[in-house]
Amino acid sequence: MWYIKADKQLTEQVLHYGEDILCSSKMQSERNFMQHGTTNCYIHSICVAYMALRVAQVLHIEQIDKKSLVRGCLLHDFFLYDWHDKASACKFHTLMHPIVALHNAEKEFVLNKIERDIIRKHMFPLCFPLPKYKESYIITIADKCCAASEIWHLYSLEKVINMLEGRIQHDLLHIPVDHPVIA
């Protein structure tokens, strides 16, 4: 396994553009829902936001709405249930969760058209319709990269997660540094 270096500029963008989402109680509740392997939905969403910015950087995609990209990525799996628990999960989770996530996100946050498209279409090509914006295509790449790594342990975003978690806990949630991280 290799470790991806934490890029301070990209982590700052995730924090800056996603502050209201990261501080919300419903986003914090995603820590209680497993996503892939041992990764919860909260950490997965943060990793996808970071990875999406990294994908845009590596592919030299300059003209993007970074704020919408980060916010859409943070909310792309905002379905707010444990999909492994068949009793609480929606039927056909893989196909339906983008719709559920969008519905939940619209109840909690004001979303623009790019953010809505990112959330609704992030499962392309597994689900349709086609993404409409560059940002929506970028998340399809970033989400698959993060999911593959979480399942098969191809690489680790541990350094990125540690940097972001420390800043979220201290700067955004105002939890003292010596306080244990919320599980």
C-alpha atoms as a PDB file:
ATOM      1  CA  MET A   1       0.000   0.000   0.000  1.00  0.00           C
ATOM      2  CA  TRP A   2       1.219   3.488  -0.711  1.00  0.00           C
ATOM      3  CA  TYR A   3       0.204   6.702   0.988  1.00  0.00           C
ATOM      4  CA  ILE A   4      -1.061   9.773  -0.802  1.00  0.00           C
ATOM      5  CA  LYS A   5       0.568  12.949   0.443  1.00  0.00           C
ATOM      6  CA  ALA A   6      -1.770  15.509   1.978  1.00  0.00           C
ATOM      7  CA  ASP A   7      -1.774  18.646  -0.163  1.00  0.00           C
ATOM      8  CA  LYS A   8      -2.347  21.601   2.177  1.00  0.00           C
ATOM      9  CA  GLN A   9      -3.935  23.751  -0.533  1.00  0.00           C
ATOM     10  CA  LEU A  10      -6.491  21.065  -1.420  1.00  0.00           C
ATOM     11  CA  THR A  11      -7.317  20.342   2.231  1.00  0.00           C
ATOM     12  CA  GLU A  12      -7.839  24.069   2.788  1.00  0.00           C
ATOM     13  CA  GLN A  13     -10.278  24.153  -0.136  1.00  0.00           C
ATOM     14  CA  VAL A  14     -12.268  21.224   1.290  1.00  0.00           C
ATOM     15  CA  LEU A  15     -12.494  23.027   4.644  1.00  0.00           C
ATOM     16  CA  HIS A  16     -13.264  26.441   3.175  1.00  0.00           C
ATOM     17  CA  TYR A  17     -15.958  25.402   0.707  1.00  0.00           C
ATOM     18  CA  GLY A  18     -17.487  22.692   2.895  1.00  0.00           C
ATOM     19  CA  GLU A  19     -17.444  24.317   6.336  1.00  0.00           C
ATOM     20  CA  ASP A  20     -21.216  24.543   6.825  1.00  0.00           C
ATOM     21  CA  ILE A  21     -21.688  20.953   5.670  1.00  0.00           C
ATOM     22  CA  LEU A  22     -18.822  19.569   7.758  1.00  0.00           C
ATOM     23  CA  CYS A  23     -20.192  21.298  10.884  1.00  0.00           C
ATOM     24  CA  SER A  24     -23.768  20.107  10.427  1.00  0.00           C
ATOM     25  CA  SER A  25     -25.080  17.524  12.868  1.00  0.00           C
ATOM     26  CA  LYS A  26     -26.446  15.332  10.057  1.00  0.00           C
ATOM     27  CA  MET A  27     -23.079  15.273   8.323  1.00  0.00           C
ATOM     28  CA  GLN A  28     -21.453  14.389  11.642  1.00  0.00           C
ATOM     29  CA  SER A  29     -24.010  11.563  12.005  1.00  0.00           C
ATOM     30  CA  GLU A  30     -22.523   9.963   8.877  1.00  0.00           C
ATOM     31  CA  ARG A  31     -19.718   8.783  11.164  1.00  0.00           C
ATOM     32  CA  ASN A  32     -22.213   6.138  12.386  1.00  0.00           C
ATOM     33  CA  PHE A  33     -22.841   4.626   8.947  1.00  0.00           C
ATOM     34  CA  MET A  34     -20.322   2.301   7.329  1.00  0.00           C
ATOM     35  CA  GLN A  35     -19.603   2.834   3.666  1.00  0.00           C
ATOM     36  CA  HIS A  36     -16.880   0.579   2.212  1.00  0.00           C
ATOM     37  CA  GLY A  37     -14.686  -1.784   4.229  1.00  0.00           C
ATOM     38  CA  THR A  38     -13.972  -0.072   7.543  1.00  0.00           C
ATOM     39  CA  THR A  39     -14.560   3.451   6.234  1.00  0.00           C
ATOM     40  CA  ASN A  40     -17.642   5.366   7.369  1.00  0.00           C
ATOM     41  CA  CYS A  41     -19.713   7.624   5.116  1.00  0.00           C
ATOM     42  CA  TYR A  42     -18.303  10.780   6.727  1.00  0.00           C
ATOM     43  CA  ILE A  43     -14.666   9.909   6.024  1.00  0.00           C
ATOM     44  CA  HIS A  44     -15.563   8.554   2.569  1.00  0.00           C
ATOM     45  CA  SER A  45     -17.275  11.829   1.640  1.00  0.00           C
ATOM     46  CA  ILE A  46     -14.314  13.914   2.806  1.00  0.00           C
ATOM     47  CA  CYS A  47     -11.917  11.681   0.866  1.00  0.00           C
ATOM     48  CA  VAL A  48     -14.056  11.980  -2.273  1.00  0.00           C
ATOM     49  CA  ALA A  49     -14.065  15.790  -1.986  1.00  0.00           C
ATOM     50  CA  TYR A  50     -10.286  15.843  -1.624  1.00  0.00           C
ATOM     51  CA  MET A  51      -9.784  13.290  -4.402  1.00  0.00           C
ATOM     52  CA  ALA A  52     -12.072  15.210  -6.772  1.00  0.00           C
ATOM     53  CA  LEU A  53      -9.925  18.320  -6.376  1.00  0.00           C
ATOM     54  CA  ARG A  54      -6.833  16.160  -6.912  1.00  0.00           C
ATOM     55  CA  VAL A  55      -8.321  14.546 -10.046  1.00  0.00           C
ATOM     56  CA  ALA A  56      -9.113  17.990 -11.502  1.00  0.00           C
ATOM     57  CA  GLN A  57      -5.557  19.089 -10.696  1.00  0.00           C
ATOM     58  CA  VAL A  58      -3.888  16.002 -12.222  1.00  0.00           C
ATOM     59  CA  LEU A  59      -6.054  16.136 -15.355  1.00  0.00           C
ATOM     60  CA  HIS A  60      -5.439  19.913 -15.669  1.00  0.00           C
ATOM     61  CA  ILE A  61      -9.146  20.695 -15.636  1.00  0.00           C
ATOM     62  CA  GLU A  62      -8.944  24.412 -14.940  1.00  0.00           C
ATOM     63  CA  GLN A  63     -12.405  25.871 -15.493  1.00  0.00           C
ATOM     64  CA  ILE A  64     -14.411  24.227 -12.726  1.00  0.00           C
ATOM     65  CA  ASP A  65     -16.578  25.454  -9.900  1.00  0.00           C
ATOM     66  CA  LYS A  66     -14.469  24.172  -6.984  1.00  0.00           C
ATOM     67  CA  LYS A  67     -16.998  25.247  -4.371  1.00  0.00           C
ATOM     68  CA  SER A  68     -19.794  23.275  -6.048  1.00  0.00           C
ATOM     69  CA  LEU A  69     -17.457  20.334  -6.596  1.00  0.00           C
ATOM     70  CA  VAL A  70     -16.484  20.140  -2.907  1.00  0.00           C
ATOM     71  CA  ARG A  71     -20.038  20.648  -1.628  1.00  0.00           C
ATOM     72  CA  GLY A  72     -21.515  18.103  -4.046  1.00  0.00           C
ATOM     73  CA  CYS A  73     -18.838  15.570  -3.111  1.00  0.00           C
ATOM     74  CA  LEU A  74     -19.430  16.028   0.605  1.00  0.00           C
ATOM     75  CA  LEU A  75     -23.158  15.423   0.067  1.00  0.00           C
ATOM     76  CA  HIS A  76     -23.029  12.717  -2.619  1.00  0.00           C
ATOM     77  CA  ASP A  77     -23.744   9.911  -0.099  1.00  0.00           C
ATOM     78  CA  PHE A  78     -25.961  11.918   2.269  1.00  0.00           C
ATOM     79  CA  PHE A  79     -28.497   9.070   2.465  1.00  0.00           C
ATOM     80  CA  LEU A  80     -28.206   8.902   6.303  1.00  0.00           C
ATOM     81  CA  TYR A  81     -28.702   5.175   6.951  1.00  0.00           C
ATOM     82  CA  ASP A  82     -26.539   2.073   7.147  1.00  0.00           C
ATOM     83  CA  TRP A  83     -26.936   0.459   3.745  1.00  0.00           C
ATOM     84  CA  HIS A  84     -25.521  -2.799   5.126  1.00  0.00           C
ATOM     85  CA  ASP A  85     -28.566  -3.114   7.416  1.00  0.00           C
ATOM     86  CA  LYS A  86     -31.272  -4.443   5.103  1.00  0.00           C
ATOM     87  CA  ALA A  87     -33.996  -3.490   7.601  1.00  0.00           C
ATOM     88  CA  SER A  88     -33.135   0.239   7.527  1.00  0.00           C
ATOM     89  CA  ALA A  89     -31.678   0.594   4.024  1.00  0.00           C
ATOM     90  CA  CYS A  90     -33.762   1.574   1.058  1.00  0.00           C
ATOM     91  CA  LYS A  91     -34.489  -1.156  -1.435  1.00  0.00           C
ATOM     92  CA  PHE A  92     -32.048  -1.205  -4.369  1.00  0.00           C
ATOM     93  CA  HIS A  93     -29.615   1.009  -2.462  1.00  0.00           C
ATOM     94  CA  THR A  94     -27.009   1.196  -5.227  1.00  0.00           C
ATOM     95  CA  LEU A  95     -29.514   2.585  -7.701  1.00  0.00           C
ATOM     96  CA  MET A  96     -31.637   4.646  -5.315  1.00  0.00           C
ATOM     97  CA  HIS A  97     -29.182   6.242  -2.885  1.00  0.00           C
ATOM     98  CA  PRO A  98     -28.307   9.208  -5.149  1.00  0.00           C
ATOM     99  CA  ILE A  99     -31.991  10.185  -5.160  1.00  0.00           C
ATOM    100  CA  VAL A 100     -32.272   9.750  -1.377  1.00  0.00           C
ATOM    101  CA  ALA A 101     -29.029  11.694  -0.830  1.00  0.00           C
ATOM    102  CA  LEU A 102     -30.237  14.556  -3.014  1.00  0.00           C
ATOM    103  CA  HIS A 103     -33.578  14.683  -1.216  1.00  0.00           C
ATOM    104  CA  ASN A 104     -31.852  14.783   2.204  1.00  0.00           C
ATOM    105  CA  ALA A 105     -29.306  17.377   1.062  1.00  0.00           C
ATOM    106  CA  GLU A 106     -32.031  19.655  -0.320  1.00  0.00           C
ATOM    107  CA  LYS A 107     -33.805  19.562   3.056  1.00  0.00           C
ATOM    108  CA  GLU A 108     -30.635  20.648   4.898  1.00  0.00           C
ATOM    109  CA  PHE A 109     -28.775  22.955   2.499  1.00  0.00           C
ATOM    110  CA  VAL A 110     -29.356  25.392  -0.333  1.00  0.00           C
ATOM    111  CA  LEU A 111     -27.931  23.681  -3.417  1.00  0.00           C
ATOM    112  CA  ASN A 112     -27.134  25.027  -6.850  1.00  0.00           C
ATOM    113  CA  LYS A 113     -27.679  23.148 -10.122  1.00  0.00           C
ATOM    114  CA  ILE A 114     -24.112  21.781 -10.252  1.00  0.00           C
ATOM    115  CA  GLU A 115     -24.282  20.456  -6.677  1.00  0.00           C
ATOM    116  CA  ARG A 116     -27.633  18.792  -7.395  1.00  0.00           C
ATOM    117  CA  ASP A 117     -26.244  17.214 -10.579  1.00  0.00           C
ATOM    118  CA  ILE A 118     -23.161  15.920  -8.726  1.00  0.00           C
ATOM    119  CA  ILE A 119     -25.241  14.279  -6.000  1.00  0.00           C
ATOM    120  CA  ARG A 120     -27.866  12.826  -8.334  1.00  0.00           C
ATOM    121  CA  LYS A 121     -25.468  11.514 -10.992  1.00  0.00           C
ATOM    122  CA  HIS A 122     -22.344  10.463  -9.077  1.00  0.00           C
ATOM    123  CA  MET A 123     -23.016   6.761  -9.741  1.00  0.00           C
ATOM    124  CA  PHE A 124     -22.671   7.108 -13.520  1.00  0.00           C
ATOM    125  CA  PRO A 125     -22.162   4.886 -15.506  1.00  0.00           C
ATOM    126  CA  LEU A 126     -23.836   2.392 -13.158  1.00  0.00           C
ATOM    127  CA  CYS A 127     -26.873   4.670 -12.919  1.00  0.00           C
ATOM    128  CA  PHE A 128     -28.352   7.092 -15.385  1.00  0.00           C
ATOM    129  CA  PRO A 129     -29.012   9.888 -16.374  1.00  0.00           C
ATOM    130  CA  LEU A 130     -25.763  11.247 -17.794  1.00  0.00           C
ATOM    131  CA  PRO A 131     -23.944  13.917 -15.795  1.00  0.00           C
ATOM    132  CA  LYS A 132     -24.392  17.409 -17.202  1.00  0.00           C
ATOM    133  CA  TYR A 133     -21.336  19.220 -15.789  1.00  0.00           C
ATOM    134  CA  LYS A 134     -17.561  18.642 -15.697  1.00  0.00           C
ATOM    135  CA  GLU A 135     -17.753  18.594 -11.919  1.00  0.00           C
ATOM    136  CA  SER A 136     -20.219  15.689 -12.074  1.00  0.00           C
ATOM    137  CA  TYR A 137     -17.861  13.656 -14.237  1.00  0.00           C
ATOM    138  CA  ILE A 138     -14.960  14.425 -11.902  1.00  0.00           C
ATOM    139  CA  ILE A 139     -16.821  12.966  -8.900  1.00  0.00           C
ATOM    140  CA  THR A 140     -17.582   9.792 -10.830  1.00  0.00           C
ATOM    141  CA  ILE A 141     -13.816   9.258 -11.101  1.00  0.00           C
ATOM    142  CA  ALA A 142     -13.002  10.368  -7.543  1.00  0.00           C
ATOM    143  CA  ASP A 143     -15.778   8.292  -5.957  1.00  0.00           C
ATOM    144  CA  LYS A 144     -14.697   5.118  -7.772  1.00  0.00           C
ATOM    145  CA  CYS A 145     -11.036   5.722  -6.825  1.00  0.00           C
ATOM    146  CA  CYS A 146     -11.912   6.166  -3.154  1.00  0.00           C
ATOM    147  CA  ALA A 147     -14.305   3.204  -3.075  1.00  0.00           C
ATOM    148  CA  ALA A 148     -11.729   0.922  -4.714  1.00  0.00           C
ATOM    149  CA  SER A 149      -9.085   1.988  -2.214  1.00  0.00           C
ATOM    150  CA  GLU A 150     -11.437   1.499   0.747  1.00  0.00           C
ATOM    151  CA  ILE A 151     -12.381  -1.989  -0.420  1.00  0.00           C
ATOM    152  CA  TRP A 152      -9.057  -3.287  -1.742  1.00  0.00           C
ATOM    153  CA  HIS A 153      -6.591  -1.119   0.262  1.00  0.00           C
ATOM    154  CA  LEU A 154      -4.781   0.052  -2.881  1.00  0.00           C
ATOM    155  CA  TYR A 155      -3.554   3.265  -1.314  1.00  0.00           C
ATOM    156  CA  SER A 156      -4.248   5.250   1.803  1.00  0.00           C
ATOM    157  CA  LEU A 157      -5.583   8.739   2.311  1.00  0.00           C
ATOM    158  CA  GLU A 158      -4.751   8.439   6.019  1.00  0.00           C
ATOM    159  CA  LYS A 159      -2.464  11.494   5.934  1.00  0.00           C
ATOM    160  CA  VAL A 160      -5.189  13.536   4.240  1.00  0.00           C
ATOM    161  CA  ILE A 161      -7.817  12.292   6.702  1.00  0.00           C
ATOM    162  CA  ASN A 162      -5.625  13.065   9.699  1.00  0.00           C
ATOM    163  CA  MET A 163      -4.891  16.578   8.454  1.00  0.00           C
ATOM    164  CA  LEU A 164      -8.548  17.303   7.705  1.00  0.00           C
ATOM    165  CA  GLU A 165      -9.907  15.680  10.868  1.00  0.00           C
ATOM    166  CA  GLY A 166      -7.559  17.678  13.060  1.00  0.00           C
ATOM    167  CA  ARG A 167      -8.591  20.923  11.385  1.00  0.00           C
ATOM    168  CA  ILE A 168     -12.307  20.058  11.402  1.00  0.00           C
ATOM    169  CA  GLN A 169     -12.243  19.122  15.092  1.00  0.00           C
ATOM    170  CA  HIS A 170     -10.201  22.114  16.191  1.00  0.00           C
ATOM    171  CA  ASP A 171     -11.067  24.927  13.771  1.00  0.00           C
ATOM    172  CA  LEU A 172     -14.616  24.175  12.686  1.00  0.00           C
ATOM    173  CA  LEU A 173     -16.163  22.286  15.599  1.00  0.00           C
ATOM    174  CA  HIS A 174     -14.003  24.034  18.240  1.00  0.00           C
ATOM    175  CA  ILE A 175     -13.152  20.821  20.059  1.00  0.00           C
ATOM    176  CA  PRO A 176      -9.940  21.171  22.094  1.00  0.00           C
ATOM    177  CA  VAL A 177      -6.950  19.368  20.589  1.00  0.00           C
ATOM    178  CA  ASP A 178      -6.599  17.054  23.609  1.00  0.00           C
ATOM    179  CA  HIS A 179     -10.263  15.971  23.317  1.00  0.00           C
ATOM    180  CA  PRO A 180     -10.726  12.548  21.630  1.00  0.00           C
ATOM    181  CA  VAL A 181     -12.017  12.522  18.079  1.00  0.00           C
ATOM    182  CA  ILE A 182     -15.747  11.891  17.780  1.00  0.00           C
ATOM    183  CA  ALA A 183     -16.342   8.314  16.637  1.00  0.00           C
END
